[in-house]
Amino acid sequence: METLILYCEEMKQKYPHHKEEIVDYLQLAIDEIEEGASEPNEINLCIGAIEGLIQNDFPNVPRDYIE
């Protein structure tokens, strides 16, 4: 979970215009884990959602090129 929090902090710094959404995705993952959901699955879902959010800023750039 600490790695996810650090990842979210980094993404908030790189993409401040998505700060609110990133915080929301992180909180959703935390809430789901607290309710008994699989931690690895929720972490993967959170990261995927954030990557998708950022990918929408660069629709013609392959995901591998976006940091």
C-alpha atoms as a PDB file:
ATOM      1  CA  MET A   1       0.000   0.000   0.000  1.00  0.00           C
ATOM      2  CA  GLU A   2       2.887   2.373   0.731  1.00  0.00           C
ATOM      3  CA  THR A   3       4.068   1.986  -2.848  1.00  0.00           C
ATOM      4  CA  LEU A   4       0.611   2.958  -4.127  1.00  0.00           C
ATOM      5  CA  ILE A   5       0.565   6.042  -1.927  1.00  0.00           C
ATOM      6  CA  LEU A   6       4.005   7.081  -3.205  1.00  0.00           C
ATOM      7  CA  TYR A   7       2.879   6.446  -6.786  1.00  0.00           C
ATOM      8  CA  CYS A   8      -0.180   8.628  -6.258  1.00  0.00           C
ATOM      9  CA  GLU A   9       1.934  11.405  -4.749  1.00  0.00           C
ATOM     10  CA  GLU A  10       4.219  11.314  -7.777  1.00  0.00           C
ATOM     11  CA  MET A  11       1.293  11.376 -10.206  1.00  0.00           C
ATOM     12  CA  LYS A  12      -0.296  14.315  -8.354  1.00  0.00           C
ATOM     13  CA  GLN A  13       2.952  16.242  -8.759  1.00  0.00           C
ATOM     14  CA  LYS A  14       3.310  15.358 -12.442  1.00  0.00           C
ATOM     15  CA  TYR A  15      -0.360  15.929 -13.275  1.00  0.00           C
ATOM     16  CA  PRO A  16      -1.711  18.476 -10.784  1.00  0.00           C
ATOM     17  CA  HIS A  17      -4.831  19.052 -12.880  1.00  0.00           C
ATOM     18  CA  HIS A  18      -5.830  15.442 -12.018  1.00  0.00           C
ATOM     19  CA  LYS A  19      -5.057  15.725  -8.304  1.00  0.00           C
ATOM     20  CA  GLU A  20      -8.675  15.382  -7.205  1.00  0.00           C
ATOM     21  CA  GLU A  21      -9.318  12.302  -9.331  1.00  0.00           C
ATOM     22  CA  ILE A  22      -6.087  10.655  -8.189  1.00  0.00           C
ATOM     23  CA  VAL A  23      -7.004  11.249  -4.542  1.00  0.00           C
ATOM     24  CA  ASP A  24     -10.465   9.811  -5.214  1.00  0.00           C
ATOM     25  CA  TYR A  25      -9.035   6.654  -6.831  1.00  0.00           C
ATOM     26  CA  LEU A  26      -6.626   6.174  -3.934  1.00  0.00           C
ATOM     27  CA  GLN A  27      -9.385   6.616  -1.369  1.00  0.00           C
ATOM     28  CA  LEU A  28     -11.602   4.170  -3.232  1.00  0.00           C
ATOM     29  CA  ALA A  29      -8.819   1.563  -3.165  1.00  0.00           C
ATOM     30  CA  ILE A  30      -8.264   2.123   0.562  1.00  0.00           C
ATOM     31  CA  ASP A  31     -11.987   1.862   1.287  1.00  0.00           C
ATOM     32  CA  GLU A  32     -12.354  -1.328  -0.735  1.00  0.00           C
ATOM     33  CA  ILE A  33      -9.360  -2.940   0.986  1.00  0.00           C
ATOM     34  CA  GLU A  34     -10.747  -1.998   4.397  1.00  0.00           C
ATOM     35  CA  GLU A  35     -14.023  -3.673   3.412  1.00  0.00           C
ATOM     36  CA  GLY A  36     -12.188  -6.917   2.636  1.00  0.00           C
ATOM     37  CA  ALA A  37     -11.300  -6.649  -1.045  1.00  0.00           C
ATOM     38  CA  SER A  38      -8.025  -8.067  -2.318  1.00  0.00           C
ATOM     39  CA  GLU A  39      -5.240  -5.537  -1.742  1.00  0.00           C
ATOM     40  CA  PRO A  40      -3.208  -6.477  -4.856  1.00  0.00           C
ATOM     41  CA  ASN A  41      -6.327  -6.311  -7.006  1.00  0.00           C
ATOM     42  CA  GLU A  42      -7.399  -2.918  -5.651  1.00  0.00           C
ATOM     43  CA  ILE A  43      -3.880  -1.553  -6.110  1.00  0.00           C
ATOM     44  CA  ASN A  44      -3.856  -2.735  -9.720  1.00  0.00           C
ATOM     45  CA  LEU A  45      -7.290  -1.242 -10.338  1.00  0.00           C
ATOM     46  CA  CYS A  46      -6.214   2.085  -8.846  1.00  0.00           C
ATOM     47  CA  ILE A  47      -3.032   2.258 -10.904  1.00  0.00           C
ATOM     48  CA  GLY A  48      -4.940   1.275 -14.044  1.00  0.00           C
ATOM     49  CA  ALA A  49      -7.548   3.962 -13.437  1.00  0.00           C
ATOM     50  CA  ILE A  50      -4.872   6.620 -12.938  1.00  0.00           C
ATOM     51  CA  GLU A  51      -2.976   5.501 -16.035  1.00  0.00           C
ATOM     52  CA  GLY A  52      -6.211   5.621 -18.014  1.00  0.00           C
ATOM     53  CA  LEU A  53      -6.906   9.112 -16.749  1.00  0.00           C
ATOM     54  CA  ILE A  54      -3.468  10.286 -17.834  1.00  0.00           C
ATOM     55  CA  GLN A  55      -3.663   8.401 -21.128  1.00  0.00           C
ATOM     56  CA  ASN A  56      -6.753  10.468 -21.976  1.00  0.00           C
ATOM     57  CA  ASP A  57      -4.515  13.558 -21.892  1.00  0.00           C
ATOM     58  CA  PHE A  58      -2.332  11.987 -24.603  1.00  0.00           C
ATOM     59  CA  PRO A  59      -4.660   9.914 -26.793  1.00  0.00           C
ATOM     60  CA  ASN A  60      -2.188   9.469 -29.654  1.00  0.00           C
ATOM     61  CA  VAL A  61       0.814   8.521 -27.530  1.00  0.00           C
ATOM     62  CA  PRO A  62       1.411   4.859 -26.632  1.00  0.00           C
ATOM     63  CA  ARG A  63       1.022   4.208 -22.906  1.00  0.00           C
ATOM     64  CA  ASP A  64       4.672   3.041 -22.695  1.00  0.00           C
ATOM     65  CA  TYR A  65       5.856   6.582 -23.442  1.00  0.00           C
ATOM     66  CA  ILE A  66       3.849   8.264 -20.700  1.00  0.00           C
ATOM     67  CA  GLU A  67       5.456   8.511 -17.284  1.00  0.00           C
END
